[in-house]
Amino acid sequence: MRVFLFLVVVAFATAFFTKPGQGLHQGVATELIKEGKVGTVDASTRATAFGDFFFVTKSETWLNDKRMIQCWGAFTRFLCFGPPEADKAATGQA
């Protein structure tokens, strides 16, 4: 049981110290936009929001009240989603 608790503590400590910061989130969003995977968004007209949730981080990029990209980061890795319409089309939802 002590070994399990030790591993849990180590996992949480690793997650806390390796979570990506706001600069990395902005870099990932910028690269996805440059590659055309999200859509074209002018850097001067987009708005970004960043949230830090102890072990993970979240960023969103908005254009005219429409979410263009949402990224979650943990352990220096990212999971990004495009606009809600693109997410529905990818999963086959109406």
PDB file of N, CA and C in Angstrom:
ATOM      1  N   MET A   1       0.824  -1.191   0.000  1.00  0.00           N
ATOM      2  CA  MET A   1       0.000   0.000   0.000  1.00  0.00           C
ATOM      3  C   MET A   1       0.872   1.260   0.000  1.00  0.00           C
ATOM      4  N   ARG A   2       1.967   1.222   0.725  1.00  0.00           N
ATOM      5  CA  ARG A   2       2.856   2.385   0.769  1.00  0.00           C
ATOM      6  C   ARG A   2       3.483   2.654  -0.599  1.00  0.00           C
ATOM      7  N   VAL A   3       3.795   1.594  -1.303  1.00  0.00           N
ATOM      8  CA  VAL A   3       4.379   1.757  -2.636  1.00  0.00           C
ATOM      9  C   VAL A   3       3.363   2.430  -3.566  1.00  0.00           C
ATOM     10  N   PHE A   4       2.121   2.011  -3.492  1.00  0.00           N
ATOM     11  CA  PHE A   4       1.072   2.616  -4.313  1.00  0.00           C
ATOM     12  C   PHE A   4       0.911   4.099  -3.994  1.00  0.00           C
ATOM     13  N   LEU A   5       0.848   4.446  -2.721  1.00  0.00           N
ATOM     14  CA  LEU A   5       0.727   5.844  -2.329  1.00  0.00           C
ATOM     15  C   LEU A   5       1.936   6.651  -2.777  1.00  0.00           C
ATOM     16  N   PHE A   6       3.119   6.066  -2.686  1.00  0.00           N
ATOM     17  CA  PHE A   6       4.322   6.745  -3.150  1.00  0.00           C
ATOM     18  C   PHE A   6       4.239   7.018  -4.650  1.00  0.00           C
ATOM     19  N   LEU A   7       3.787   6.041  -5.416  1.00  0.00           N
ATOM     20  CA  LEU A   7       3.655   6.216  -6.864  1.00  0.00           C
ATOM     21  C   LEU A   7       2.612   7.279  -7.214  1.00  0.00           C
ATOM     22  N   VAL A   8       1.542   7.337  -6.457  1.00  0.00           N
ATOM     23  CA  VAL A   8       0.517   8.356  -6.685  1.00  0.00           C
ATOM     24  C   VAL A   8       1.085   9.745  -6.411  1.00  0.00           C
ATOM     25  N   VAL A   9       1.811   9.879  -5.318  1.00  0.00           N
ATOM     26  CA  VAL A   9       2.425  11.170  -4.983  1.00  0.00           C
ATOM     27  C   VAL A   9       3.433  11.575  -6.053  1.00  0.00           C
ATOM     28  N   VAL A  10       4.233  10.648  -6.514  1.00  0.00           N
ATOM     29  CA  VAL A  10       5.216  10.944  -7.556  1.00  0.00           C
ATOM     30  C   VAL A  10       4.504  11.349  -8.855  1.00  0.00           C
ATOM     31  N   ALA A  11       3.421  10.679  -9.209  1.00  0.00           N
ATOM     32  CA  ALA A  11       2.679  11.014 -10.424  1.00  0.00           C
ATOM     33  C   ALA A  11       2.092  12.423 -10.340  1.00  0.00           C
ATOM     34  N   PHE A  12       1.510  12.768  -9.192  1.00  0.00           N
ATOM     35  CA  PHE A  12       0.946  14.108  -9.030  1.00  0.00           C
ATOM     36  C   PHE A  12       2.031  15.176  -9.029  1.00  0.00           C
ATOM     37  N   ALA A  13       3.148  14.910  -8.382  1.00  0.00           N
ATOM     38  CA  ALA A  13       4.252  15.874  -8.370  1.00  0.00           C
ATOM     39  C   ALA A  13       4.805  16.070  -9.783  1.00  0.00           C
ATOM     40  N   THR A  14       4.949  14.972 -10.523  1.00  0.00           N
ATOM     41  CA  THR A  14       5.430  15.066 -11.902  1.00  0.00           C
ATOM     42  C   THR A  14       4.450  15.861 -12.756  1.00  0.00           C
ATOM     43  N   ALA A  15       3.165  15.604 -12.589  1.00  0.00           N
ATOM     44  CA  ALA A  15       2.154  16.333 -13.356  1.00  0.00           C
ATOM     45  C   ALA A  15       2.197  17.821 -13.026  1.00  0.00           C
ATOM     46  N   PHE A  16       2.368  18.164 -11.763  1.00  0.00           N
ATOM     47  CA  PHE A  16       2.391  19.571 -11.369  1.00  0.00           C
ATOM     48  C   PHE A  16       3.588  20.298 -11.966  1.00  0.00           C
ATOM     49  N   PHE A  17       4.755  19.670 -11.922  1.00  0.00           N
ATOM     50  CA  PHE A  17       5.970  20.340 -12.375  1.00  0.00           C
ATOM     51  C   PHE A  17       6.199  20.267 -13.887  1.00  0.00           C
ATOM     52  N   THR A  18       5.451  19.441 -14.600  1.00  0.00           N
ATOM     53  CA  THR A  18       5.637  19.339 -16.058  1.00  0.00           C
ATOM     54  C   THR A  18       4.453  19.867 -16.847  1.00  0.00           C
ATOM     55  N   LYS A  19       3.478  20.477 -16.179  1.00  0.00           N
ATOM     56  CA  LYS A  19       2.333  21.010 -16.929  1.00  0.00           C
ATOM     57  C   LYS A  19       2.805  22.164 -17.802  1.00  0.00           C
ATOM     58  N   PRO A  20       2.302  22.260 -19.036  1.00  0.00           N
ATOM     59  CA  PRO A  20       2.735  23.314 -19.949  1.00  0.00           C
ATOM     60  C   PRO A  20       2.195  24.675 -19.521  1.00  0.00           C
ATOM     61  N   GLY A  21       2.974  25.699 -19.769  1.00  0.00           N
ATOM     62  CA  GLY A  21       2.576  27.053 -19.429  1.00  0.00           C
ATOM     63  C   GLY A  21       1.815  27.731 -20.550  1.00  0.00           C
ATOM     64  N   GLN A  22       1.457  28.979 -20.309  1.00  0.00           N
ATOM     65  CA  GLN A  22       0.665  29.735 -21.278  1.00  0.00           C
ATOM     66  C   GLN A  22       1.422  29.951 -22.586  1.00  0.00           C
ATOM     67  N   GLY A  23       2.717  30.164 -22.509  1.00  0.00           N
ATOM     68  CA  GLY A  23       3.504  30.372 -23.725  1.00  0.00           C
ATOM     69  C   GLY A  23       3.501  29.158 -24.633  1.00  0.00           C
ATOM     70  N   LEU A  24       3.619  27.973 -24.063  1.00  0.00           N
ATOM     71  CA  LEU A  24       3.573  26.752 -24.871  1.00  0.00           C
ATOM     72  C   LEU A  24       2.203  26.563 -25.514  1.00  0.00           C
ATOM     73  N   HIS A  25       1.148  26.874 -24.766  1.00  0.00           N
ATOM     74  CA  HIS A  25      -0.206  26.769 -25.328  1.00  0.00           C
ATOM     75  C   HIS A  25      -0.363  27.700 -26.523  1.00  0.00           C
ATOM     76  N   GLN A  26       0.112  28.935 -26.388  1.00  0.00           N
ATOM     77  CA  GLN A  26       0.000  29.881 -27.492  1.00  0.00           C
ATOM     78  C   GLN A  26       0.821  29.426 -28.686  1.00  0.00           C
ATOM     79  N   GLY A  27       1.980  28.832 -28.434  1.00  0.00           N
ATOM     80  CA  GLY A  27       2.803  28.321 -29.526  1.00  0.00           C
ATOM     81  C   GLY A  27       2.131  27.186 -30.272  1.00  0.00           C
ATOM     82  N   VAL A  28       1.515  26.262 -29.546  1.00  0.00           N
ATOM     83  CA  VAL A  28       0.814  25.146 -30.180  1.00  0.00           C
ATOM     84  C   VAL A  28      -0.368  25.663 -30.989  1.00  0.00           C
ATOM     85  N   ALA A  29      -1.150  26.576 -30.424  1.00  0.00           N
ATOM     86  CA  ALA A  29      -2.300  27.126 -31.144  1.00  0.00           C
ATOM     87  C   ALA A  29      -1.853  27.853 -32.406  1.00  0.00           C
ATOM     88  N   THR A  30      -0.781  28.623 -32.307  1.00  0.00           N
ATOM     89  CA  THR A  30      -0.275  29.352 -33.464  1.00  0.00           C
ATOM     90  C   THR A  30       0.177  28.395 -34.556  1.00  0.00           C
ATOM     91  N   GLU A  31       0.867  27.335 -34.185  1.00  0.00           N
ATOM     92  CA  GLU A  31       1.329  26.360 -35.186  1.00  0.00           C
ATOM     93  C   GLU A  31       0.159  25.636 -35.847  1.00  0.00           C
ATOM     94  N   LEU A  32      -0.856  25.260 -35.067  1.00  0.00           N
ATOM     95  CA  LEU A  32      -2.025  24.593 -35.660  1.00  0.00           C
ATOM     96  C   LEU A  32      -2.757  25.519 -36.617  1.00  0.00           C
ATOM     97  N   ILE A  33      -2.815  26.801 -36.266  1.00  0.00           N
ATOM     98  CA  ILE A  33      -3.461  27.762 -37.154  1.00  0.00           C
ATOM     99  C   ILE A  33      -2.632  27.957 -38.413  1.00  0.00           C
ATOM    100  N   LYS A  34      -1.297  28.049 -38.285  1.00  0.00           N
ATOM    101  CA  LYS A  34      -0.423  28.211 -39.448  1.00  0.00           C
ATOM    102  C   LYS A  34      -0.527  27.021 -40.398  1.00  0.00           C
ATOM    103  N   GLU A  35      -0.657  25.812 -39.840  1.00  0.00           N
ATOM    104  CA  GLU A  35      -0.768  24.608 -40.661  1.00  0.00           C
ATOM    105  C   GLU A  35      -2.146  24.469 -41.298  1.00  0.00           C
ATOM    106  N   GLY A  36      -3.096  25.301 -40.913  1.00  0.00           N
ATOM    107  CA  GLY A  36      -4.430  25.263 -41.482  1.00  0.00           C
ATOM    108  C   GLY A  36      -5.309  24.166 -40.918  1.00  0.00           C
ATOM    109  N   LYS A  37      -4.928  23.581 -39.803  1.00  0.00           N
ATOM    110  CA  LYS A  37      -5.713  22.497 -39.220  1.00  0.00           C
ATOM    111  C   LYS A  37      -6.920  23.012 -38.444  1.00  0.00           C
ATOM    112  N   VAL A  38      -6.927  24.287 -38.113  1.00  0.00           N
ATOM    113  CA  VAL A  38      -8.016  24.860 -37.332  1.00  0.00           C
ATOM    114  C   VAL A  38      -8.801  25.885 -38.130  1.00  0.00           C
ATOM    115  N   GLY A  39      -8.163  26.543 -39.023  1.00  0.00           N
ATOM    116  CA  GLY A  39      -8.779  27.622 -39.782  1.00  0.00           C
ATOM    117  C   GLY A  39      -7.867  28.828 -39.727  1.00  0.00           C
ATOM    118  N   THR A  40      -8.183  29.816 -40.508  1.00  0.00           N
ATOM    119  CA  THR A  40      -7.353  31.013 -40.556  1.00  0.00           C
ATOM    120  C   THR A  40      -7.860  32.015 -39.531  1.00  0.00           C
ATOM    121  N   VAL A  41      -6.993  32.387 -38.624  1.00  0.00           N
ATOM    122  CA  VAL A  41      -7.320  33.365 -37.600  1.00  0.00           C
ATOM    123  C   VAL A  41      -6.198  34.380 -37.559  1.00  0.00           C
ATOM    124  N   ASP A  42      -6.529  35.645 -37.770  1.00  0.00           N
ATOM    125  CA  ASP A  42      -5.537  36.713 -37.697  1.00  0.00           C
ATOM    126  C   ASP A  42      -5.132  36.909 -36.239  1.00  0.00           C
ATOM    127  N   ALA A  43      -3.843  36.995 -35.983  1.00  0.00           N
ATOM    128  CA  ALA A  43      -3.338  37.120 -34.620  1.00  0.00           C
ATOM    129  C   ALA A  43      -3.847  38.375 -33.928  1.00  0.00           C
ATOM    130  N   SER A  44      -4.131  39.431 -34.684  1.00  0.00           N
ATOM    131  CA  SER A  44      -4.580  40.676 -34.065  1.00  0.00           C
ATOM    132  C   SER A  44      -6.063  40.650 -33.693  1.00  0.00           C
ATOM    133  N   THR A  45      -6.845  39.761 -34.282  1.00  0.00           N
ATOM    134  CA  THR A  45      -8.287  39.729 -34.006  1.00  0.00           C
ATOM    135  C   THR A  45      -8.705  38.582 -33.111  1.00  0.00           C
ATOM    136  N   ARG A  46      -7.798  37.706 -32.743  1.00  0.00           N
ATOM    137  CA  ARG A  46      -8.189  36.571 -31.919  1.00  0.00           C
ATOM    138  C   ARG A  46      -8.027  36.900 -30.431  1.00  0.00           C
ATOM    139  N   ALA A  47      -8.830  36.231 -29.634  1.00  0.00           N
ATOM    140  CA  ALA A  47      -8.766  36.367 -28.181  1.00  0.00           C
ATOM    141  C   ALA A  47      -8.415  35.005 -27.608  1.00  0.00           C
ATOM    142  N   THR A  48      -7.612  35.008 -26.548  1.00  0.00           N
ATOM    143  CA  THR A  48      -7.218  33.746 -25.928  1.00  0.00           C
ATOM    144  C   THR A  48      -7.560  33.768 -24.442  1.00  0.00           C
ATOM    145  N   ALA A  49      -7.852  32.597 -23.915  1.00  0.00           N
ATOM    146  CA  ALA A  49      -8.107  32.430 -22.490  1.00  0.00           C
ATOM    147  C   ALA A  49      -7.249  31.274 -22.003  1.00  0.00           C
ATOM    148  N   PHE A  50      -6.708  31.399 -20.802  1.00  0.00           N
ATOM    149  CA  PHE A  50      -5.827  30.382 -20.249  1.00  0.00           C
ATOM    150  C   PHE A  50      -6.280  30.049 -18.834  1.00  0.00           C
ATOM    151  N   GLY A  51      -6.300  28.754 -18.522  1.00  0.00           N
ATOM    152  CA  GLY A  51      -6.675  28.309 -17.186  1.00  0.00           C
ATOM    153  C   GLY A  51      -5.669  27.303 -16.650  1.00  0.00           C
ATOM    154  N   ASP A  52      -5.364  27.418 -15.371  1.00  0.00           N
ATOM    155  CA  ASP A  52      -4.415  26.512 -14.706  1.00  0.00           C
ATOM    156  C   ASP A  52      -5.166  25.747 -13.625  1.00  0.00           C
ATOM    157  N   PHE A  53      -5.221  24.430 -13.763  1.00  0.00           N
ATOM    158  CA  PHE A  53      -5.983  23.588 -12.851  1.00  0.00           C
ATOM    159  C   PHE A  53      -5.084  22.636 -12.077  1.00  0.00           C
ATOM    160  N   PHE A  54      -4.042  23.145 -11.420  1.00  0.00           N
ATOM    161  CA  PHE A  54      -3.075  22.420 -10.610  1.00  0.00           C
ATOM    162  C   PHE A  54      -2.253  21.402 -11.392  1.00  0.00           C
ATOM    163  N   PHE A  55      -2.898  20.407 -12.003  1.00  0.00           N
ATOM    164  CA  PHE A  55      -2.172  19.337 -12.677  1.00  0.00           C
ATOM    165  C   PHE A  55      -2.294  19.394 -14.196  1.00  0.00           C
ATOM    166  N   VAL A  56      -3.255  20.140 -14.707  1.00  0.00           N
ATOM    167  CA  VAL A  56      -3.441  20.315 -16.143  1.00  0.00           C
ATOM    168  C   VAL A  56      -3.678  21.796 -16.433  1.00  0.00           C
ATOM    169  N   THR A  57      -3.489  22.168 -17.689  1.00  0.00           N
ATOM    170  CA  THR A  57      -3.770  23.532 -18.124  1.00  0.00           C
ATOM    171  C   THR A  57      -4.677  23.493 -19.342  1.00  0.00           C
ATOM    172  N   LYS A  58      -5.412  24.585 -19.544  1.00  0.00           N
ATOM    173  CA  LYS A  58      -6.368  24.657 -20.650  1.00  0.00           C
ATOM    174  C   LYS A  58      -6.250  26.031 -21.300  1.00  0.00           C
ATOM    175  N   SER A  59      -6.285  26.046 -22.621  1.00  0.00           N
ATOM    176  CA  SER A  59      -6.313  27.322 -23.343  1.00  0.00           C
ATOM    177  C   SER A  59      -7.355  27.245 -24.443  1.00  0.00           C
ATOM    178  N   GLU A  60      -7.955  28.390 -24.724  1.00  0.00           N
ATOM    179  CA  GLU A  60      -8.938  28.492 -25.794  1.00  0.00           C
ATOM    180  C   GLU A  60      -8.614  29.715 -26.637  1.00  0.00           C
ATOM    181  N   THR A  61      -8.802  29.598 -27.930  1.00  0.00           N
ATOM    182  CA  THR A  61      -8.630  30.714 -28.851  1.00  0.00           C
ATOM    183  C   THR A  61      -9.982  30.995 -29.491  1.00  0.00           C
ATOM    184  N   TRP A  62     -10.396  32.251 -29.420  1.00  0.00           N
ATOM    185  CA  TRP A  62     -11.709  32.665 -29.892  1.00  0.00           C
ATOM    186  C   TRP A  62     -11.575  33.678 -31.016  1.00  0.00           C
ATOM    187  N   LEU A  63     -12.520  33.668 -31.932  1.00  0.00           N
ATOM    188  CA  LEU A  63     -12.626  34.665 -32.988  1.00  0.00           C
ATOM    189  C   LEU A  63     -14.091  35.058 -33.103  1.00  0.00           C
ATOM    190  N   ASN A  64     -14.409  36.302 -32.758  1.00  0.00           N
ATOM    191  CA  ASN A  64     -15.789  36.804 -32.828  1.00  0.00           C
ATOM    192  C   ASN A  64     -16.764  35.899 -32.081  1.00  0.00           C
ATOM    193  N   ASP A  65     -16.477  35.607 -30.830  1.00  0.00           N
ATOM    194  CA  ASP A  65     -17.328  34.776 -29.962  1.00  0.00           C
ATOM    195  C   ASP A  65     -17.520  33.356 -30.477  1.00  0.00           C
ATOM    196  N   LYS A  66     -16.611  32.891 -31.307  1.00  0.00           N
ATOM    197  CA  LYS A  66     -16.662  31.519 -31.806  1.00  0.00           C
ATOM    198  C   LYS A  66     -15.340  30.842 -31.451  1.00  0.00           C
ATOM    199  N   ARG A  67     -15.420  29.714 -30.735  1.00  0.00           N
ATOM    200  CA  ARG A  67     -14.205  29.012 -30.344  1.00  0.00           C
ATOM    201  C   ARG A  67     -13.554  28.377 -31.564  1.00  0.00           C
ATOM    202  N   MET A  68     -12.298  28.713 -31.790  1.00  0.00           N
ATOM    203  CA  MET A  68     -11.559  28.157 -32.922  1.00  0.00           C
ATOM    204  C   MET A  68     -10.743  26.938 -32.510  1.00  0.00           C
ATOM    205  N   ILE A  69     -10.146  26.989 -31.313  1.00  0.00           N
ATOM    206  CA  ILE A  69      -9.327  25.867 -30.859  1.00  0.00           C
ATOM    207  C   ILE A  69      -9.325  25.838 -29.335  1.00  0.00           C
ATOM    208  N   GLN A  70      -9.350  24.629 -28.793  1.00  0.00           N
ATOM    209  CA  GLN A  70      -9.266  24.418 -27.352  1.00  0.00           C
ATOM    210  C   GLN A  70      -8.209  23.353 -27.114  1.00  0.00           C
ATOM    211  N   CYS A  71      -7.245  23.649 -26.238  1.00  0.00           N
ATOM    212  CA  CYS A  71      -6.164  22.709 -25.943  1.00  0.00           C
ATOM    213  C   CYS A  71      -6.059  22.459 -24.446  1.00  0.00           C
ATOM    214  N   TRP A  72      -5.889  21.201 -24.095  1.00  0.00           N
ATOM    215  CA  TRP A  72      -5.601  20.792 -22.726  1.00  0.00           C
ATOM    216  C   TRP A  72      -4.161  20.301 -22.692  1.00  0.00           C
ATOM    217  N   GLY A  73      -3.432  20.637 -21.653  1.00  0.00           N
ATOM    218  CA  GLY A  73      -2.041  20.227 -21.550  1.00  0.00           C
ATOM    219  C   GLY A  73      -1.738  19.576 -20.211  1.00  0.00           C
ATOM    220  N   ALA A  74      -0.977  18.500 -20.256  1.00  0.00           N
ATOM    221  CA  ALA A  74      -0.512  17.797 -19.052  1.00  0.00           C
ATOM    222  C   ALA A  74       0.737  17.011 -19.420  1.00  0.00           C
ATOM    223  N   PHE A  75       1.673  16.904 -18.500  1.00  0.00           N
ATOM    224  CA  PHE A  75       2.920  16.166 -18.735  1.00  0.00           C
ATOM    225  C   PHE A  75       3.618  16.634 -20.017  1.00  0.00           C
ATOM    226  N   THR A  76       3.626  17.926 -20.285  1.00  0.00           N
ATOM    227  CA  THR A  76       4.217  18.557 -21.476  1.00  0.00           C
ATOM    228  C   THR A  76       3.601  18.074 -22.790  1.00  0.00           C
ATOM    229  N   ARG A  77       2.416  17.512 -22.756  1.00  0.00           N
ATOM    230  CA  ARG A  77       1.703  17.052 -23.950  1.00  0.00           C
ATOM    231  C   ARG A  77       0.410  17.843 -24.103  1.00  0.00           C
ATOM    232  N   PHE A  78      -0.130  17.837 -25.313  1.00  0.00           N
ATOM    233  CA  PHE A  78      -1.339  18.592 -25.599  1.00  0.00           C
ATOM    234  C   PHE A  78      -2.395  17.722 -26.251  1.00  0.00           C
ATOM    235  N   LEU A  79      -3.646  18.021 -25.954  1.00  0.00           N
ATOM    236  CA  LEU A  79      -4.801  17.444 -26.629  1.00  0.00           C
ATOM    237  C   LEU A  79      -5.642  18.623 -27.091  1.00  0.00           C
ATOM    238  N   CYS A  80      -5.755  18.805 -28.396  1.00  0.00           N
ATOM    239  CA  CYS A  80      -6.423  19.985 -28.944  1.00  0.00           C
ATOM    240  C   CYS A  80      -7.658  19.593 -29.741  1.00  0.00           C
ATOM    241  N   PHE A  81      -8.662  20.466 -29.660  1.00  0.00           N
ATOM    242  CA  PHE A  81      -9.910  20.292 -30.383  1.00  0.00           C
ATOM    243  C   PHE A  81     -10.155  21.528 -31.224  1.00  0.00           C
ATOM    244  N   GLY A  82     -10.739  21.331 -32.390  1.00  0.00           N
ATOM    245  CA  GLY A  82     -11.075  22.440 -33.270  1.00  0.00           C
ATOM    246  C   GLY A  82     -12.411  23.044 -32.888  1.00  0.00           C
ATOM    247  N   PRO A  83     -13.024  23.783 -33.807  1.00  0.00           N
ATOM    248  CA  PRO A  83     -14.334  24.378 -33.543  1.00  0.00           C
ATOM    249  C   PRO A  83     -15.373  23.299 -33.251  1.00  0.00           C
ATOM    250  N   PRO A  84     -16.396  23.612 -32.453  1.00  0.00           N
ATOM    251  CA  PRO A  84     -17.416  22.600 -32.131  1.00  0.00           C
ATOM    252  C   PRO A  84     -18.056  21.984 -33.363  1.00  0.00           C
ATOM    253  N   GLU A  85     -18.217  22.755 -34.442  1.00  0.00           N
ATOM    254  CA  GLU A  85     -18.817  22.205 -35.666  1.00  0.00           C
ATOM    255  C   GLU A  85     -17.918  21.120 -36.262  1.00  0.00           C
ATOM    256  N   ALA A  86     -16.597  21.342 -36.220  1.00  0.00           N
ATOM    257  CA  ALA A  86     -15.663  20.355 -36.760  1.00  0.00           C
ATOM    258  C   ALA A  86     -15.645  19.111 -35.880  1.00  0.00           C
ATOM    259  N   ASP A  87     -15.777  19.291 -34.564  1.00  0.00           N
ATOM    260  CA  ASP A  87     -15.802  18.139 -33.657  1.00  0.00           C
ATOM    261  C   ASP A  87     -17.032  17.279 -33.935  1.00  0.00           C
ATOM    262  N   LYS A  88     -18.182  17.902 -34.172  1.00  0.00           N
ATOM    263  CA  LYS A  88     -19.406  17.146 -34.462  1.00  0.00           C
ATOM    264  C   LYS A  88     -19.291  16.413 -35.792  1.00  0.00           C
ATOM    265  N   ALA A  89     -18.705  17.059 -36.785  1.00  0.00           N
ATOM    266  CA  ALA A  89     -18.552  16.432 -38.109  1.00  0.00           C
ATOM    267  C   ALA A  89     -17.619  15.230 -38.034  1.00  0.00           C
ATOM    268  N   ALA A  90     -16.576  15.319 -37.217  1.00  0.00           N
ATOM    269  CA  ALA A  90     -15.622  14.229 -37.103  1.00  0.00           C
ATOM    270  C   ALA A  90     -16.230  13.009 -36.424  1.00  0.00           C
ATOM    271  N   THR A  91     -17.179  13.234 -35.508  1.00  0.00           N
ATOM    272  CA  THR A  91     -17.773  12.106 -34.799  1.00  0.00           C
ATOM    273  C   THR A  91     -19.079  11.644 -35.444  1.00  0.00           C
ATOM    274  N   GLY A  92     -19.550  12.359 -36.460  1.00  0.00           N
ATOM    275  CA  GLY A  92     -20.775  11.947 -37.148  1.00  0.00           C
ATOM    276  C   GLY A  92     -22.046  12.397 -36.463  1.00  0.00           C
ATOM    277  N   GLN A  93     -21.954  13.326 -35.522  1.00  0.00           N
ATOM    278  CA  GLN A  93     -23.150  13.825 -34.838  1.00  0.00           C
ATOM    279  C   GLN A  93     -23.820  14.879 -35.688  1.00  0.00           C
ATOM    280  N   ALA A  94     -25.121  15.033 -35.485  1.00  0.00           N
ATOM    281  CA  ALA A  94     -25.879  16.036 -36.259  1.00  0.00           C
ATOM    282  C   ALA A  94     -25.825  17.388 -35.600  1.00  0.00           C
TER     283      ALA A  94
END
